[in-house]
Amino acid sequence: MPPRVSVVVPVFNRRQFVREAVASALSQDCPGGSEVVVVDDGSTDETPKVLASFGTSIRVFRQANAGPAHARNRGFGEARGEFLALLDSDDVWLPGKLAAQVAVLDVEL
């Protein structure tokens, strides 16, 4: 069964921020489950090492640098969830964010 939400994280040279961003997505309690899809847009710093440290808890796709819009679109294409959620690689989500949004979407549907 696919996850309810796919969290798409485009990243380029954000080794100092991406660990906390991804960790905040992984810590979400989401009804129906979630996945984290990270698109590394050709990082030349230590970003790939940081992402590798998460092992199989995230799905990482690496591509030649093409810009954030292309990286987001690649993430959308790789996503398996019913809903998409965008997380910038230098942002952090508070606990409960996905659960609250899914609850609103369920009411609206």
C-alpha atoms as a PDB file:
ATOM      1  CA  MET A   1       0.000   0.000   0.000  1.00  0.00           C
ATOM      2  CA  PRO A   2       1.474   3.393  -0.948  1.00  0.00           C
ATOM      3  CA  PRO A   3       2.117   6.015   1.722  1.00  0.00           C
ATOM      4  CA  ARG A   4      -0.513   8.672   2.289  1.00  0.00           C
ATOM      5  CA  VAL A   5       1.974  11.539   1.904  1.00  0.00           C
ATOM      6  CA  SER A   6       5.203  11.884  -0.046  1.00  0.00           C
ATOM      7  CA  VAL A   7       7.499  14.539   1.366  1.00  0.00           C
ATOM      8  CA  VAL A   8       9.625  15.950  -1.458  1.00  0.00           C
ATOM      9  CA  VAL A   9      12.907  17.624  -0.498  1.00  0.00           C
ATOM     10  CA  PRO A  10      14.989  19.199  -3.281  1.00  0.00           C
ATOM     11  CA  VAL A  11      18.557  19.863  -2.165  1.00  0.00           C
ATOM     12  CA  PHE A  12      21.700  21.464  -3.531  1.00  0.00           C
ATOM     13  CA  ASN A  13      24.789  22.013  -1.375  1.00  0.00           C
ATOM     14  CA  ARG A  14      22.971  22.179   1.977  1.00  0.00           C
ATOM     15  CA  ARG A  15      25.046  19.786   4.087  1.00  0.00           C
ATOM     16  CA  GLN A  16      24.734  22.093   7.100  1.00  0.00           C
ATOM     17  CA  PHE A  17      20.904  22.104   7.023  1.00  0.00           C
ATOM     18  CA  VAL A  18      19.569  19.018   5.273  1.00  0.00           C
ATOM     19  CA  ARG A  19      20.062  16.583   8.180  1.00  0.00           C
ATOM     20  CA  GLU A  20      17.720  18.560  10.434  1.00  0.00           C
ATOM     21  CA  ALA A  21      15.198  19.086   7.628  1.00  0.00           C
ATOM     22  CA  VAL A  22      15.008  15.382   6.767  1.00  0.00           C
ATOM     23  CA  ALA A  23      14.912  14.379  10.439  1.00  0.00           C
ATOM     24  CA  SER A  24      11.934  16.698  11.002  1.00  0.00           C
ATOM     25  CA  ALA A  25      10.081  14.999   8.125  1.00  0.00           C
ATOM     26  CA  LEU A  26      10.918  11.511   9.372  1.00  0.00           C
ATOM     27  CA  SER A  27       9.667  12.342  12.862  1.00  0.00           C
ATOM     28  CA  GLN A  28       6.160  13.206  11.618  1.00  0.00           C
ATOM     29  CA  ASP A  29       3.246  11.052  12.720  1.00  0.00           C
ATOM     30  CA  CYS A  30       1.142  10.783   9.602  1.00  0.00           C
ATOM     31  CA  PRO A  31      -2.101   8.792   9.334  1.00  0.00           C
ATOM     32  CA  GLY A  32      -1.592   6.334   6.480  1.00  0.00           C
ATOM     33  CA  GLY A  33       2.170   6.765   6.577  1.00  0.00           C
ATOM     34  CA  SER A  34       4.622   8.944   4.732  1.00  0.00           C
ATOM     35  CA  GLU A  35       7.795   8.681   2.713  1.00  0.00           C
ATOM     36  CA  VAL A  36      10.644  11.130   2.267  1.00  0.00           C
ATOM     37  CA  VAL A  37      11.883  11.611  -1.298  1.00  0.00           C
ATOM     38  CA  VAL A  38      15.072  13.674  -1.578  1.00  0.00           C
ATOM     39  CA  VAL A  39      16.360  14.896  -4.927  1.00  0.00           C
ATOM     40  CA  ASP A  40      20.024  15.882  -4.786  1.00  0.00           C
ATOM     41  CA  ASP A  41      20.411  18.396  -7.586  1.00  0.00           C
ATOM     42  CA  GLY A  42      24.108  17.769  -8.204  1.00  0.00           C
ATOM     43  CA  SER A  43      25.543  18.797  -4.832  1.00  0.00           C
ATOM     44  CA  THR A  44      29.320  19.221  -4.751  1.00  0.00           C
ATOM     45  CA  ASP A  45      29.676  19.449  -0.966  1.00  0.00           C
ATOM     46  CA  GLU A  46      29.097  16.742   1.677  1.00  0.00           C
ATOM     47  CA  THR A  47      25.328  16.634   1.115  1.00  0.00           C
ATOM     48  CA  PRO A  48      25.414  13.104  -0.417  1.00  0.00           C
ATOM     49  CA  LYS A  49      27.209  11.768   2.692  1.00  0.00           C
ATOM     50  CA  VAL A  50      24.644  13.356   4.983  1.00  0.00           C
ATOM     51  CA  LEU A  51      21.816  11.829   2.972  1.00  0.00           C
ATOM     52  CA  ALA A  52      23.499   8.404   2.930  1.00  0.00           C
ATOM     53  CA  SER A  53      23.569   8.452   6.729  1.00  0.00           C
ATOM     54  CA  PHE A  54      19.764   8.022   6.727  1.00  0.00           C
ATOM     55  CA  GLY A  55      20.095   4.644   5.013  1.00  0.00           C
ATOM     56  CA  THR A  56      16.878   3.181   3.687  1.00  0.00           C
ATOM     57  CA  SER A  57      14.610   5.468   5.722  1.00  0.00           C
ATOM     58  CA  ILE A  58      14.608   7.934   2.804  1.00  0.00           C
ATOM     59  CA  ARG A  59      14.674   7.589  -0.971  1.00  0.00           C
ATOM     60  CA  VAL A  60      17.418   9.645  -2.614  1.00  0.00           C
ATOM     61  CA  PHE A  61      17.668  10.491  -6.302  1.00  0.00           C
ATOM     62  CA  ARG A  62      20.748  12.254  -7.631  1.00  0.00           C
ATOM     63  CA  GLN A  63      20.782  14.249 -10.837  1.00  0.00           C
ATOM     64  CA  ALA A  64      22.967  16.762 -12.629  1.00  0.00           C
ATOM     65  CA  ASN A  65      22.320  20.301 -11.433  1.00  0.00           C
ATOM     66  CA  ALA A  66      19.228  21.619 -13.194  1.00  0.00           C
ATOM     67  CA  GLY A  67      17.743  23.976 -10.615  1.00  0.00           C
ATOM     68  CA  PRO A  68      15.156  23.690  -7.837  1.00  0.00           C
ATOM     69  CA  ALA A  69      12.082  23.499 -10.086  1.00  0.00           C
ATOM     70  CA  HIS A  70      13.523  20.543 -11.977  1.00  0.00           C
ATOM     71  CA  ALA A  71      14.490  18.842  -8.704  1.00  0.00           C
ATOM     72  CA  ARG A  72      10.961  19.305  -7.318  1.00  0.00           C
ATOM     73  CA  ASN A  73       9.427  17.931 -10.502  1.00  0.00           C
ATOM     74  CA  ARG A  74      11.725  14.903 -10.344  1.00  0.00           C
ATOM     75  CA  GLY A  75      10.612  14.355  -6.762  1.00  0.00           C
ATOM     76  CA  PHE A  76       6.967  14.550  -7.791  1.00  0.00           C
ATOM     77  CA  GLY A  77       7.627  11.960 -10.458  1.00  0.00           C
ATOM     78  CA  GLU A  78       9.285   9.581  -8.002  1.00  0.00           C
ATOM     79  CA  ALA A  79       6.658  10.074  -5.263  1.00  0.00           C
ATOM     80  CA  ARG A  80       4.294   7.207  -4.446  1.00  0.00           C
ATOM     81  CA  GLY A  81       1.969   8.982  -2.003  1.00  0.00           C
ATOM     82  CA  GLU A  82      -1.608  10.128  -2.403  1.00  0.00           C
ATOM     83  CA  PHE A  83      -0.598  13.668  -1.393  1.00  0.00           C
ATOM     84  CA  LEU A  84       2.588  15.684  -1.890  1.00  0.00           C
ATOM     85  CA  ALA A  85       4.230  17.874   0.718  1.00  0.00           C
ATOM     86  CA  LEU A  86       7.157  20.160  -0.055  1.00  0.00           C
ATOM     87  CA  LEU A  87       9.983  20.677   2.401  1.00  0.00           C
ATOM     88  CA  ASP A  88      12.880  22.981   1.617  1.00  0.00           C
ATOM     89  CA  SER A  89      16.267  21.566   2.536  1.00  0.00           C
ATOM     90  CA  ASP A  90      16.937  24.429   4.953  1.00  0.00           C
ATOM     91  CA  ASP A  91      13.563  24.260   6.717  1.00  0.00           C
ATOM     92  CA  VAL A  92      12.269  22.272   9.698  1.00  0.00           C
ATOM     93  CA  TRP A  93       8.756  21.040  10.385  1.00  0.00           C
ATOM     94  CA  LEU A  94       7.207  21.170  13.828  1.00  0.00           C
ATOM     95  CA  PRO A  95       5.773  17.930  15.234  1.00  0.00           C
ATOM     96  CA  GLY A  96       2.213  17.274  14.095  1.00  0.00           C
ATOM     97  CA  LYS A  97       2.423  19.254  10.854  1.00  0.00           C
ATOM     98  CA  LEU A  98       1.562  16.395   8.475  1.00  0.00           C
ATOM     99  CA  ALA A  99      -1.130  14.933  10.723  1.00  0.00           C
ATOM    100  CA  ALA A 100      -2.854  18.330  10.936  1.00  0.00           C
ATOM    101  CA  GLN A 101      -2.727  18.853   7.177  1.00  0.00           C
ATOM    102  CA  VAL A 102      -4.005  15.358   6.376  1.00  0.00           C
ATOM    103  CA  ALA A 103      -6.879  15.890   8.817  1.00  0.00           C
ATOM    104  CA  VAL A 104      -7.897  19.048   6.956  1.00  0.00           C
ATOM    105  CA  LEU A 105      -7.621  17.305   3.586  1.00  0.00           C
ATOM    106  CA  ASP A 106      -9.761  14.421   4.844  1.00  0.00           C
ATOM    107  CA  VAL A 107     -12.507  16.845   5.908  1.00  0.00           C
ATOM    108  CA  GLU A 108     -12.358  18.668   2.574  1.00  0.00           C
ATOM    109  CA  LEU A 109     -12.502  15.451   0.518  1.00  0.00           C
END
